[in-house]
Amino acid sequence: MLTTSQSSGSHKTDDPLTRRDFVKLCILATQKTLRVNSQPYLFWGLLDFSPEVRAMSSSAYNATITINMNADTIQKLLAGQYTLYGYKAVQSTDKAGRPLVWFGTQSYSTTTVVSCSDTYQVYTSSSPIVSGEQITVGFSTGILCGQTLQVIDGGIGSVVNTGNPGDVSIANQTTTEFTCGIMQVQTINGNPSAFVPYCAFPLNGLNLQEIRPLNKILLMFSTAKTNNGTVFVDSADSTALAGANGPGIIIDFSAMSSSTVTYDVNLGWDWGNYAWAQQIPANENLTPWLIE
């Protein structure tokens, strides 16, 4: 029997941090394999879905962005009444899908922290997908990638454990057309939001819609005033209002969980030119960046 002073190979399970991380990974792997959602699950013969375990699993893949700005940039942004907007990317072969405003805030300072986890909700809506119009969520429920929401009359439904791994699927079992998409919580400077829709796709009668969440977040400053859940308006769209947009930055969290970037009102975004981010010109259409 090993004691605290003995070692078996290079992995020391007696270190509290290492042991905790190991158990955390095992729980997550089992949870995703069983594809459960807010239900107790059997883990190595132990029934455990305590708040601590749920918090551990829901925050495992946090994407956290620290945005640094100098005082001069802050003063100029606030004087111009700029809003910091955030969007999330998805993958779909349905190019009728559109990104929605995930968040907009003027609560930024020299250091601003934006974060989210990989906890999703799926929604249905009767709102049409129209540029500049807000999507009103009619029904929503928690879902995991690899699961399917089966939609019945009224746009309500239940989630079943079938679907392509990596995708959030919505199966319309009615002949009524709906709008559907994915929702997530974002946390800004430690203040979490409610679940907010960040993409919208048409869900035709008797059709199946498959949406793959991507670990990519796009940020930009703009003087446009729009609500969360509003269909993105391309700057070239006839419905676009006159205003000022700064360049955007899209950050890929597929290989990391945190990043630090800098924004300067005259120089744009700086991230050290690493491969995990790209700057997007101020006049560019964001939809191809957000619906891949």
C-alpha atoms as a PDB file:
ATOM      1  CA  MET A   1       0.000   0.000   0.000  1.00  0.00           C
ATOM      2  CA  LEU A   2       1.273   3.429  -0.923  1.00  0.00           C
ATOM      3  CA  THR A   3       1.741   6.047   1.762  1.00  0.00           C
ATOM      4  CA  THR A   4       1.919   9.803   1.356  1.00  0.00           C
ATOM      5  CA  SER A   5       5.678   9.549   1.043  1.00  0.00           C
ATOM      6  CA  GLN A   6       5.601   6.854  -1.676  1.00  0.00           C
ATOM      7  CA  SER A   7       5.163   7.347  -5.401  1.00  0.00           C
ATOM      8  CA  SER A   8       3.792   5.145  -8.158  1.00  0.00           C
ATOM      9  CA  GLY A   9       5.129   6.508 -11.453  1.00  0.00           C
ATOM     10  CA  SER A  10       5.095  10.185 -12.254  1.00  0.00           C
ATOM     11  CA  HIS A  11       1.442  10.800 -11.263  1.00  0.00           C
ATOM     12  CA  LYS A  12       1.036  11.567  -7.567  1.00  0.00           C
ATOM     13  CA  THR A  13      -2.603  11.255  -6.598  1.00  0.00           C
ATOM     14  CA  ASP A  14      -1.794  12.248  -3.026  1.00  0.00           C
ATOM     15  CA  ASP A  15      -1.475  15.897  -3.942  1.00  0.00           C
ATOM     16  CA  PRO A  16      -4.897  17.455  -3.102  1.00  0.00           C
ATOM     17  CA  LEU A  17      -5.009  19.706  -6.185  1.00  0.00           C
ATOM     18  CA  THR A  18      -4.007  16.921  -8.557  1.00  0.00           C
ATOM     19  CA  ARG A  19      -6.522  14.518  -7.031  1.00  0.00           C
ATOM     20  CA  ARG A  20      -9.316  17.103  -7.236  1.00  0.00           C
ATOM     21  CA  ASP A  21      -8.548  17.869 -10.879  1.00  0.00           C
ATOM     22  CA  PHE A  22      -8.451  14.148 -11.700  1.00  0.00           C
ATOM     23  CA  VAL A  23     -11.840  13.520 -10.103  1.00  0.00           C
ATOM     24  CA  LYS A  24     -13.234  16.605 -11.845  1.00  0.00           C
ATOM     25  CA  LEU A  25     -12.190  15.294 -15.261  1.00  0.00           C
ATOM     26  CA  CYS A  26     -13.634  11.844 -14.513  1.00  0.00           C
ATOM     27  CA  ILE A  27     -16.979  13.343 -13.486  1.00  0.00           C
ATOM     28  CA  LEU A  28     -17.129  15.476 -16.621  1.00  0.00           C
ATOM     29  CA  ALA A  29     -16.251  12.559 -18.885  1.00  0.00           C
ATOM     30  CA  THR A  30     -18.942  10.384 -17.309  1.00  0.00           C
ATOM     31  CA  GLN A  31     -21.527  13.165 -17.412  1.00  0.00           C
ATOM     32  CA  LYS A  32     -20.970  13.837 -21.104  1.00  0.00           C
ATOM     33  CA  THR A  33     -20.947  10.087 -21.936  1.00  0.00           C
ATOM     34  CA  LEU A  34     -24.280   9.534 -20.210  1.00  0.00           C
ATOM     35  CA  ARG A  35     -25.603  12.801 -21.677  1.00  0.00           C
ATOM     36  CA  VAL A  36     -27.652  13.779 -18.676  1.00  0.00           C
ATOM     37  CA  ASN A  37     -29.144  17.188 -18.120  1.00  0.00           C
ATOM     38  CA  SER A  38     -29.999  18.404 -14.639  1.00  0.00           C
ATOM     39  CA  GLN A  39     -30.681  14.824 -13.480  1.00  0.00           C
ATOM     40  CA  PRO A  40     -28.874  12.675 -10.899  1.00  0.00           C
ATOM     41  CA  TYR A  41     -26.409  10.275 -12.469  1.00  0.00           C
ATOM     42  CA  LEU A  42     -24.551   7.184 -11.375  1.00  0.00           C
ATOM     43  CA  PHE A  43     -20.824   7.728 -11.107  1.00  0.00           C
ATOM     44  CA  TRP A  44     -18.845   4.614 -10.315  1.00  0.00           C
ATOM     45  CA  GLY A  45     -21.734   3.338  -8.210  1.00  0.00           C
ATOM     46  CA  LEU A  46     -22.093   6.593  -6.255  1.00  0.00           C
ATOM     47  CA  LEU A  47     -25.187   8.758  -6.758  1.00  0.00           C
ATOM     48  CA  ASP A  48     -23.847  12.309  -6.578  1.00  0.00           C
ATOM     49  CA  PHE A  49     -25.372  15.408  -8.102  1.00  0.00           C
ATOM     50  CA  SER A  50     -24.660  17.829  -5.319  1.00  0.00           C
ATOM     51  CA  PRO A  51     -24.484  21.598  -5.982  1.00  0.00           C
ATOM     52  CA  GLU A  52     -20.703  21.338  -5.724  1.00  0.00           C
ATOM     53  CA  VAL A  53     -20.533  18.696  -8.462  1.00  0.00           C
ATOM     54  CA  ARG A  54     -22.973  20.613 -10.668  1.00  0.00           C
ATOM     55  CA  ALA A  55     -20.945  23.809 -10.280  1.00  0.00           C
ATOM     56  CA  MET A  56     -17.771  21.880 -11.062  1.00  0.00           C
ATOM     57  CA  SER A  57     -19.166  20.459 -14.294  1.00  0.00           C
ATOM     58  CA  SER A  58     -20.899  23.629 -15.492  1.00  0.00           C
ATOM     59  CA  SER A  59     -17.804  25.789 -15.127  1.00  0.00           C
ATOM     60  CA  ALA A  60     -15.246  23.338 -16.513  1.00  0.00           C
ATOM     61  CA  TYR A  61     -14.831  24.947 -19.915  1.00  0.00           C
ATOM     62  CA  ASN A  62     -15.064  28.609 -18.988  1.00  0.00           C
ATOM     63  CA  ALA A  63     -14.026  31.106 -21.619  1.00  0.00           C
ATOM     64  CA  THR A  64     -12.697  34.211 -19.892  1.00  0.00           C
ATOM     65  CA  ILE A  65     -11.535  37.376 -21.641  1.00  0.00           C
ATOM     66  CA  THR A  66      -9.704  40.112 -19.772  1.00  0.00           C
ATOM     67  CA  ILE A  67      -9.879  43.400 -21.687  1.00  0.00           C
ATOM     68  CA  ASN A  68      -7.342  46.069 -20.748  1.00  0.00           C
ATOM     69  CA  MET A  69      -7.726  49.714 -21.831  1.00  0.00           C
ATOM     70  CA  ASN A  70      -5.971  52.917 -20.827  1.00  0.00           C
ATOM     71  CA  ALA A  71      -7.772  55.877 -19.258  1.00  0.00           C
ATOM     72  CA  ASP A  72      -7.634  57.966 -22.453  1.00  0.00           C
ATOM     73  CA  THR A  73      -9.397  55.226 -24.422  1.00  0.00           C
ATOM     74  CA  ILE A  74     -12.061  54.867 -21.726  1.00  0.00           C
ATOM     75  CA  GLN A  75     -12.741  58.607 -21.720  1.00  0.00           C
ATOM     76  CA  LYS A  76     -13.085  58.741 -25.513  1.00  0.00           C
ATOM     77  CA  LEU A  77     -15.336  55.675 -25.646  1.00  0.00           C
ATOM     78  CA  LEU A  78     -17.638  57.028 -22.960  1.00  0.00           C
ATOM     79  CA  ALA A  79     -17.698  60.490 -24.559  1.00  0.00           C
ATOM     80  CA  GLY A  80     -18.781  58.879 -27.831  1.00  0.00           C
ATOM     81  CA  GLN A  81     -21.336  56.724 -25.956  1.00  0.00           C
ATOM     82  CA  TYR A  82     -19.798  53.525 -27.286  1.00  0.00           C
ATOM     83  CA  THR A  83     -21.191  50.166 -26.188  1.00  0.00           C
ATOM     84  CA  LEU A  84     -19.104  47.016 -25.925  1.00  0.00           C
ATOM     85  CA  TYR A  85     -20.987  44.298 -27.808  1.00  0.00           C
ATOM     86  CA  GLY A  86     -20.411  40.559 -27.623  1.00  0.00           C
ATOM     87  CA  TYR A  87     -21.401  37.771 -30.023  1.00  0.00           C
ATOM     88  CA  LYS A  88     -20.891  33.995 -30.058  1.00  0.00           C
ATOM     89  CA  ALA A  89     -20.163  31.802 -33.077  1.00  0.00           C
ATOM     90  CA  VAL A  90     -21.856  28.605 -34.241  1.00  0.00           C
ATOM     91  CA  GLN A  91     -21.426  26.211 -37.132  1.00  0.00           C
ATOM     92  CA  SER A  92     -24.288  25.286 -39.461  1.00  0.00           C
ATOM     93  CA  THR A  93     -24.833  24.512 -43.120  1.00  0.00           C
ATOM     94  CA  ASP A  94     -28.061  26.556 -43.005  1.00  0.00           C
ATOM     95  CA  LYS A  95     -26.942  29.977 -44.168  1.00  0.00           C
ATOM     96  CA  ALA A  96     -30.334  31.492 -43.348  1.00  0.00           C
ATOM     97  CA  GLY A  97     -29.160  31.581 -39.740  1.00  0.00           C
ATOM     98  CA  ARG A  98     -28.231  34.917 -38.245  1.00  0.00           C
ATOM     99  CA  PRO A  99     -26.193  36.003 -35.207  1.00  0.00           C
ATOM    100  CA  LEU A 100     -27.946  37.835 -32.401  1.00  0.00           C
ATOM    101  CA  VAL A 101     -26.544  40.402 -29.992  1.00  0.00           C
ATOM    102  CA  TRP A 102     -25.408  38.324 -27.022  1.00  0.00           C
ATOM    103  CA  PHE A 103     -24.657  41.298 -24.809  1.00  0.00           C
ATOM    104  CA  GLY A 104     -24.092  45.024 -24.877  1.00  0.00           C
ATOM    105  CA  THR A 105     -22.607  46.970 -21.979  1.00  0.00           C
ATOM    106  CA  GLN A 106     -21.203  50.365 -21.101  1.00  0.00           C
ATOM    107  CA  SER A 107     -19.970  49.031 -17.756  1.00  0.00           C
ATOM    108  CA  TYR A 108     -16.380  48.836 -18.947  1.00  0.00           C
ATOM    109  CA  SER A 109     -13.268  50.262 -17.368  1.00  0.00           C
ATOM    110  CA  THR A 110      -9.496  49.928 -17.584  1.00  0.00           C
ATOM    111  CA  THR A 111      -9.957  46.221 -16.848  1.00  0.00           C
ATOM    112  CA  THR A 112     -13.129  44.422 -17.935  1.00  0.00           C
ATOM    113  CA  VAL A 113     -13.657  40.684 -17.588  1.00  0.00           C
ATOM    114  CA  VAL A 114     -16.137  38.754 -19.741  1.00  0.00           C
ATOM    115  CA  SER A 115     -16.674  35.036 -19.158  1.00  0.00           C
ATOM    116  CA  CYS A 116     -19.051  32.165 -19.867  1.00  0.00           C
ATOM    117  CA  SER A 117     -19.319  28.396 -19.387  1.00  0.00           C
ATOM    118  CA  ASP A 118     -20.441  25.611 -21.723  1.00  0.00           C
ATOM    119  CA  THR A 119     -23.929  25.403 -20.206  1.00  0.00           C
ATOM    120  CA  TYR A 120     -26.569  25.806 -22.932  1.00  0.00           C
ATOM    121  CA  GLN A 121     -30.267  26.268 -23.357  1.00  0.00           C
ATOM    122  CA  VAL A 122     -32.193  25.752 -26.572  1.00  0.00           C
ATOM    123  CA  TYR A 123     -35.183  27.922 -27.479  1.00  0.00           C
ATOM    124  CA  THR A 124     -38.072  28.266 -29.874  1.00  0.00           C
ATOM    125  CA  SER A 125     -39.792  31.485 -30.874  1.00  0.00           C
ATOM    126  CA  SER A 126     -42.554  32.796 -33.103  1.00  0.00           C
ATOM    127  CA  SER A 127     -40.500  35.905 -33.940  1.00  0.00           C
ATOM    128  CA  PRO A 128     -39.391  36.138 -37.580  1.00  0.00           C
ATOM    129  CA  ILE A 129     -35.691  36.588 -38.327  1.00  0.00           C
ATOM    130  CA  VAL A 130     -35.574  40.238 -39.420  1.00  0.00           C
ATOM    131  CA  SER A 131     -32.497  42.492 -39.317  1.00  0.00           C
ATOM    132  CA  GLY A 132     -32.617  44.825 -36.337  1.00  0.00           C
ATOM    133  CA  GLU A 133     -35.591  43.058 -34.729  1.00  0.00           C
ATOM    134  CA  GLN A 134     -35.409  41.358 -31.343  1.00  0.00           C
ATOM    135  CA  ILE A 135     -36.155  37.644 -31.022  1.00  0.00           C
ATOM    136  CA  THR A 136     -38.688  36.972 -28.264  1.00  0.00           C
ATOM    137  CA  VAL A 137     -38.101  33.575 -26.680  1.00  0.00           C
ATOM    138  CA  GLY A 138     -41.315  31.573 -26.366  1.00  0.00           C
ATOM    139  CA  PHE A 139     -39.936  28.362 -24.873  1.00  0.00           C
ATOM    140  CA  SER A 140     -36.507  27.332 -23.621  1.00  0.00           C
ATOM    141  CA  THR A 141     -34.929  24.436 -21.782  1.00  0.00           C
ATOM    142  CA  GLY A 142     -31.501  23.132 -20.871  1.00  0.00           C
ATOM    143  CA  ILE A 143     -29.703  20.913 -23.361  1.00  0.00           C
ATOM    144  CA  LEU A 144     -26.342  19.239 -23.943  1.00  0.00           C
ATOM    145  CA  CYS A 145     -24.498  18.793 -27.204  1.00  0.00           C
ATOM    146  CA  GLY A 146     -25.590  15.463 -28.660  1.00  0.00           C
ATOM    147  CA  GLN A 147     -29.195  15.903 -27.506  1.00  0.00           C
ATOM    148  CA  THR A 148     -32.351  16.865 -29.435  1.00  0.00           C
ATOM    149  CA  LEU A 149     -35.288  19.075 -28.527  1.00  0.00           C
ATOM    150  CA  GLN A 150     -38.460  17.512 -29.953  1.00  0.00           C
ATOM    151  CA  VAL A 151     -40.848  20.391 -30.663  1.00  0.00           C
ATOM    152  CA  ILE A 152     -44.611  19.908 -30.489  1.00  0.00           C
ATOM    153  CA  ASP A 153     -47.591  22.263 -30.847  1.00  0.00           C
ATOM    154  CA  GLY A 154     -47.044  25.661 -29.277  1.00  0.00           C
ATOM    155  CA  GLY A 155     -43.291  25.456 -29.736  1.00  0.00           C
ATOM    156  CA  ILE A 156     -42.801  23.585 -26.468  1.00  0.00           C
ATOM    157  CA  GLY A 157     -41.003  20.271 -26.274  1.00  0.00           C
ATOM    158  CA  SER A 158     -38.796  17.818 -24.453  1.00  0.00           C
ATOM    159  CA  VAL A 159     -35.135  16.885 -24.763  1.00  0.00           C
ATOM    160  CA  VAL A 160     -34.105  13.345 -25.718  1.00  0.00           C
ATOM    161  CA  ASN A 161     -30.694  11.701 -25.761  1.00  0.00           C
ATOM    162  CA  THR A 162     -30.346  11.386 -29.519  1.00  0.00           C
ATOM    163  CA  GLY A 163     -28.485  13.572 -31.979  1.00  0.00           C
ATOM    164  CA  ASN A 164     -25.090  14.145 -33.544  1.00  0.00           C
ATOM    165  CA  PRO A 165     -22.284  14.520 -30.995  1.00  0.00           C
ATOM    166  CA  GLY A 166     -21.216  18.147 -30.781  1.00  0.00           C
ATOM    167  CA  ASP A 167     -24.523  19.462 -32.133  1.00  0.00           C
ATOM    168  CA  VAL A 168     -27.581  20.937 -30.481  1.00  0.00           C
ATOM    169  CA  SER A 169     -30.491  19.547 -32.506  1.00  0.00           C
ATOM    170  CA  ILE A 170     -34.087  20.780 -32.766  1.00  0.00           C
ATOM    171  CA  ALA A 171     -36.670  18.505 -34.417  1.00  0.00           C
ATOM    172  CA  ASN A 172     -39.958  20.122 -35.400  1.00  0.00           C
ATOM    173  CA  GLN A 173     -42.720  17.523 -35.128  1.00  0.00           C
ATOM    174  CA  THR A 174     -45.394  19.992 -36.237  1.00  0.00           C
ATOM    175  CA  THR A 175     -46.210  21.696 -39.527  1.00  0.00           C
ATOM    176  CA  THR A 176     -45.805  25.141 -37.952  1.00  0.00           C
ATOM    177  CA  GLU A 177     -42.686  27.197 -38.692  1.00  0.00           C
ATOM    178  CA  PHE A 178     -40.685  28.470 -35.719  1.00  0.00           C
ATOM    179  CA  THR A 179     -37.419  30.244 -35.068  1.00  0.00           C
ATOM    180  CA  CYS A 180     -34.891  28.369 -32.942  1.00  0.00           C
ATOM    181  CA  GLY A 181     -31.391  28.732 -31.558  1.00  0.00           C
ATOM    182  CA  ILE A 182     -29.044  28.472 -28.590  1.00  0.00           C
ATOM    183  CA  MET A 183     -28.843  30.544 -25.406  1.00  0.00           C
ATOM    184  CA  GLN A 184     -26.039  31.104 -22.916  1.00  0.00           C
ATOM    185  CA  VAL A 185     -25.264  33.137 -19.812  1.00  0.00           C
ATOM    186  CA  GLN A 186     -22.466  35.678 -19.910  1.00  0.00           C
ATOM    187  CA  THR A 187     -20.794  37.165 -16.851  1.00  0.00           C
ATOM    188  CA  ILE A 188     -19.367  40.696 -17.010  1.00  0.00           C
ATOM    189  CA  ASN A 189     -17.142  41.821 -14.156  1.00  0.00           C
ATOM    190  CA  GLY A 190     -18.599  39.096 -11.952  1.00  0.00           C
ATOM    191  CA  ASN A 191     -22.257  39.905 -12.729  1.00  0.00           C
ATOM    192  CA  PRO A 192     -24.041  37.026 -14.502  1.00  0.00           C
ATOM    193  CA  SER A 193     -26.871  37.621 -16.942  1.00  0.00           C
ATOM    194  CA  ALA A 194     -29.917  35.496 -17.615  1.00  0.00           C
ATOM    195  CA  PHE A 195     -29.748  33.050 -20.524  1.00  0.00           C
ATOM    196  CA  VAL A 196     -29.635  35.131 -23.705  1.00  0.00           C
ATOM    197  CA  PRO A 197     -30.152  33.853 -27.285  1.00  0.00           C
ATOM    198  CA  TYR A 198     -27.144  34.455 -29.523  1.00  0.00           C
ATOM    199  CA  CYS A 199     -28.183  32.847 -32.819  1.00  0.00           C
ATOM    200  CA  ALA A 200     -31.424  32.376 -34.733  1.00  0.00           C
ATOM    201  CA  PHE A 201     -32.304  29.779 -37.376  1.00  0.00           C
ATOM    202  CA  PRO A 202     -35.535  29.022 -39.217  1.00  0.00           C
ATOM    203  CA  LEU A 203     -37.208  25.812 -38.063  1.00  0.00           C
ATOM    204  CA  ASN A 204     -39.584  24.757 -40.813  1.00  0.00           C
ATOM    205  CA  GLY A 205     -42.377  22.280 -40.253  1.00  0.00           C
ATOM    206  CA  LEU A 206     -41.267  18.642 -39.906  1.00  0.00           C
ATOM    207  CA  ASN A 207     -37.640  19.769 -40.261  1.00  0.00           C
ATOM    208  CA  LEU A 208     -34.532  19.052 -38.204  1.00  0.00           C
ATOM    209  CA  GLN A 209     -32.140  21.897 -37.381  1.00  0.00           C
ATOM    210  CA  GLU A 210     -28.609  21.053 -36.199  1.00  0.00           C
ATOM    211  CA  ILE A 211     -26.445  23.798 -34.670  1.00  0.00           C
ATOM    212  CA  ARG A 212     -22.910  23.279 -33.410  1.00  0.00           C
ATOM    213  CA  PRO A 213     -21.746  25.719 -30.687  1.00  0.00           C
ATOM    214  CA  LEU A 214     -18.221  27.005 -31.249  1.00  0.00           C
ATOM    215  CA  ASN A 215     -15.895  28.253 -28.528  1.00  0.00           C
ATOM    216  CA  LYS A 216     -15.473  31.622 -30.243  1.00  0.00           C
ATOM    217  CA  ILE A 217     -16.430  35.048 -28.909  1.00  0.00           C
ATOM    218  CA  LEU A 218     -16.476  38.248 -30.959  1.00  0.00           C
ATOM    219  CA  LEU A 219     -16.165  41.678 -29.326  1.00  0.00           C
ATOM    220  CA  MET A 220     -16.557  45.150 -30.798  1.00  0.00           C
ATOM    221  CA  PHE A 221     -17.330  48.719 -29.765  1.00  0.00           C
ATOM    222  CA  SER A 222     -20.143  50.592 -31.495  1.00  0.00           C
ATOM    223  CA  THR A 223     -22.295  53.663 -30.988  1.00  0.00           C
ATOM    224  CA  ALA A 224     -25.332  51.709 -32.230  1.00  0.00           C
ATOM    225  CA  LYS A 225     -27.958  51.102 -29.569  1.00  0.00           C
ATOM    226  CA  THR A 226     -29.553  47.672 -29.697  1.00  0.00           C
ATOM    227  CA  ASN A 227     -30.997  45.148 -27.268  1.00  0.00           C
ATOM    228  CA  ASN A 228     -29.782  41.676 -26.402  1.00  0.00           C
ATOM    229  CA  GLY A 229     -31.287  39.033 -28.676  1.00  0.00           C
ATOM    230  CA  THR A 230     -31.544  41.429 -31.632  1.00  0.00           C
ATOM    231  CA  VAL A 231     -30.762  40.122 -35.114  1.00  0.00           C
ATOM    232  CA  PHE A 232     -27.410  41.514 -36.221  1.00  0.00           C
ATOM    233  CA  VAL A 233     -27.618  44.335 -38.781  1.00  0.00           C
ATOM    234  CA  ASP A 234     -24.812  44.393 -41.348  1.00  0.00           C
ATOM    235  CA  SER A 235     -23.328  47.872 -41.829  1.00  0.00           C
ATOM    236  CA  ALA A 236     -24.279  47.647 -45.520  1.00  0.00           C
ATOM    237  CA  ASP A 237     -27.896  46.760 -44.717  1.00  0.00           C
ATOM    238  CA  SER A 238     -30.474  49.373 -45.686  1.00  0.00           C
ATOM    239  CA  THR A 239     -31.891  49.201 -42.147  1.00  0.00           C
ATOM    240  CA  ALA A 240     -28.547  50.070 -40.544  1.00  0.00           C
ATOM    241  CA  LEU A 241     -28.514  53.334 -38.620  1.00  0.00           C
ATOM    242  CA  ALA A 242     -25.706  55.855 -39.042  1.00  0.00           C
ATOM    243  CA  GLY A 243     -23.104  55.434 -36.336  1.00  0.00           C
ATOM    244  CA  ALA A 244     -19.511  54.569 -35.558  1.00  0.00           C
ATOM    245  CA  ASN A 245     -18.056  51.079 -35.229  1.00  0.00           C
ATOM    246  CA  GLY A 246     -14.638  50.103 -34.006  1.00  0.00           C
ATOM    247  CA  PRO A 247     -12.812  47.041 -35.322  1.00  0.00           C
ATOM    248  CA  GLY A 248     -13.877  43.713 -33.896  1.00  0.00           C
ATOM    249  CA  ILE A 249     -11.845  40.856 -32.477  1.00  0.00           C
ATOM    250  CA  ILE A 250     -12.820  37.185 -32.602  1.00  0.00           C
ATOM    251  CA  ILE A 251     -11.177  34.907 -30.056  1.00  0.00           C
ATOM    252  CA  ASP A 252     -11.006  31.129 -30.387  1.00  0.00           C
ATOM    253  CA  PHE A 253     -11.154  29.270 -27.062  1.00  0.00           C
ATOM    254  CA  SER A 254     -10.988  25.764 -28.517  1.00  0.00           C
ATOM    255  CA  ALA A 255      -7.465  25.251 -27.138  1.00  0.00           C
ATOM    256  CA  MET A 256      -7.560  27.498 -24.059  1.00  0.00           C
ATOM    257  CA  SER A 257      -9.897  28.802 -21.380  1.00  0.00           C
ATOM    258  CA  SER A 258      -8.685  32.382 -20.869  1.00  0.00           C
ATOM    259  CA  SER A 259      -7.103  35.221 -22.806  1.00  0.00           C
ATOM    260  CA  THR A 260      -5.992  38.797 -22.257  1.00  0.00           C
ATOM    261  CA  VAL A 261      -6.408  41.472 -24.929  1.00  0.00           C
ATOM    262  CA  THR A 262      -5.870  45.225 -25.097  1.00  0.00           C
ATOM    263  CA  TYR A 263      -8.005  47.799 -26.863  1.00  0.00           C
ATOM    264  CA  ASP A 264      -6.887  51.270 -27.882  1.00  0.00           C
ATOM    265  CA  VAL A 265      -9.330  53.697 -29.455  1.00  0.00           C
ATOM    266  CA  ASN A 266      -6.795  54.613 -32.163  1.00  0.00           C
ATOM    267  CA  LEU A 267      -4.775  51.408 -32.507  1.00  0.00           C
ATOM    268  CA  GLY A 268      -7.514  48.809 -32.244  1.00  0.00           C
ATOM    269  CA  TRP A 269      -7.043  45.395 -30.626  1.00  0.00           C
ATOM    270  CA  ASP A 270      -3.777  43.868 -29.508  1.00  0.00           C
ATOM    271  CA  TRP A 271      -3.420  40.212 -28.487  1.00  0.00           C
ATOM    272  CA  GLY A 272       0.251  39.656 -29.282  1.00  0.00           C
ATOM    273  CA  ASN A 273      -0.644  38.417 -32.796  1.00  0.00           C
ATOM    274  CA  TYR A 274      -1.160  34.882 -31.515  1.00  0.00           C
ATOM    275  CA  ALA A 275      -3.084  32.445 -33.704  1.00  0.00           C
ATOM    276  CA  TRP A 276      -6.089  32.295 -31.344  1.00  0.00           C
ATOM    277  CA  ALA A 277      -7.500  35.691 -32.380  1.00  0.00           C
ATOM    278  CA  GLN A 278      -8.094  37.867 -35.423  1.00  0.00           C
ATOM    279  CA  GLN A 279      -8.997  41.531 -35.808  1.00  0.00           C
ATOM    280  CA  ILE A 280     -11.985  42.275 -38.039  1.00  0.00           C
ATOM    281  CA  PRO A 281     -12.223  45.594 -39.944  1.00  0.00           C
ATOM    282  CA  ALA A 282     -14.908  47.984 -38.738  1.00  0.00           C
ATOM    283  CA  ASN A 283     -16.839  47.897 -42.025  1.00  0.00           C
ATOM    284  CA  GLU A 284     -16.889  44.115 -42.436  1.00  0.00           C
ATOM    285  CA  ASN A 285     -20.010  41.959 -42.281  1.00  0.00           C
ATOM    286  CA  LEU A 286     -19.792  39.895 -39.074  1.00  0.00           C
ATOM    287  CA  THR A 287     -22.247  37.166 -40.081  1.00  0.00           C
ATOM    288  CA  PRO A 288     -19.704  34.949 -41.933  1.00  0.00           C
ATOM    289  CA  TRP A 289     -17.483  35.128 -38.846  1.00  0.00           C
ATOM    290  CA  LEU A 290     -20.302  34.010 -36.562  1.00  0.00           C
ATOM    291  CA  ILE A 291     -22.211  31.495 -38.714  1.00  0.00           C
ATOM    292  CA  GLU A 292     -19.564  29.159 -40.123  1.00  0.00           C
END
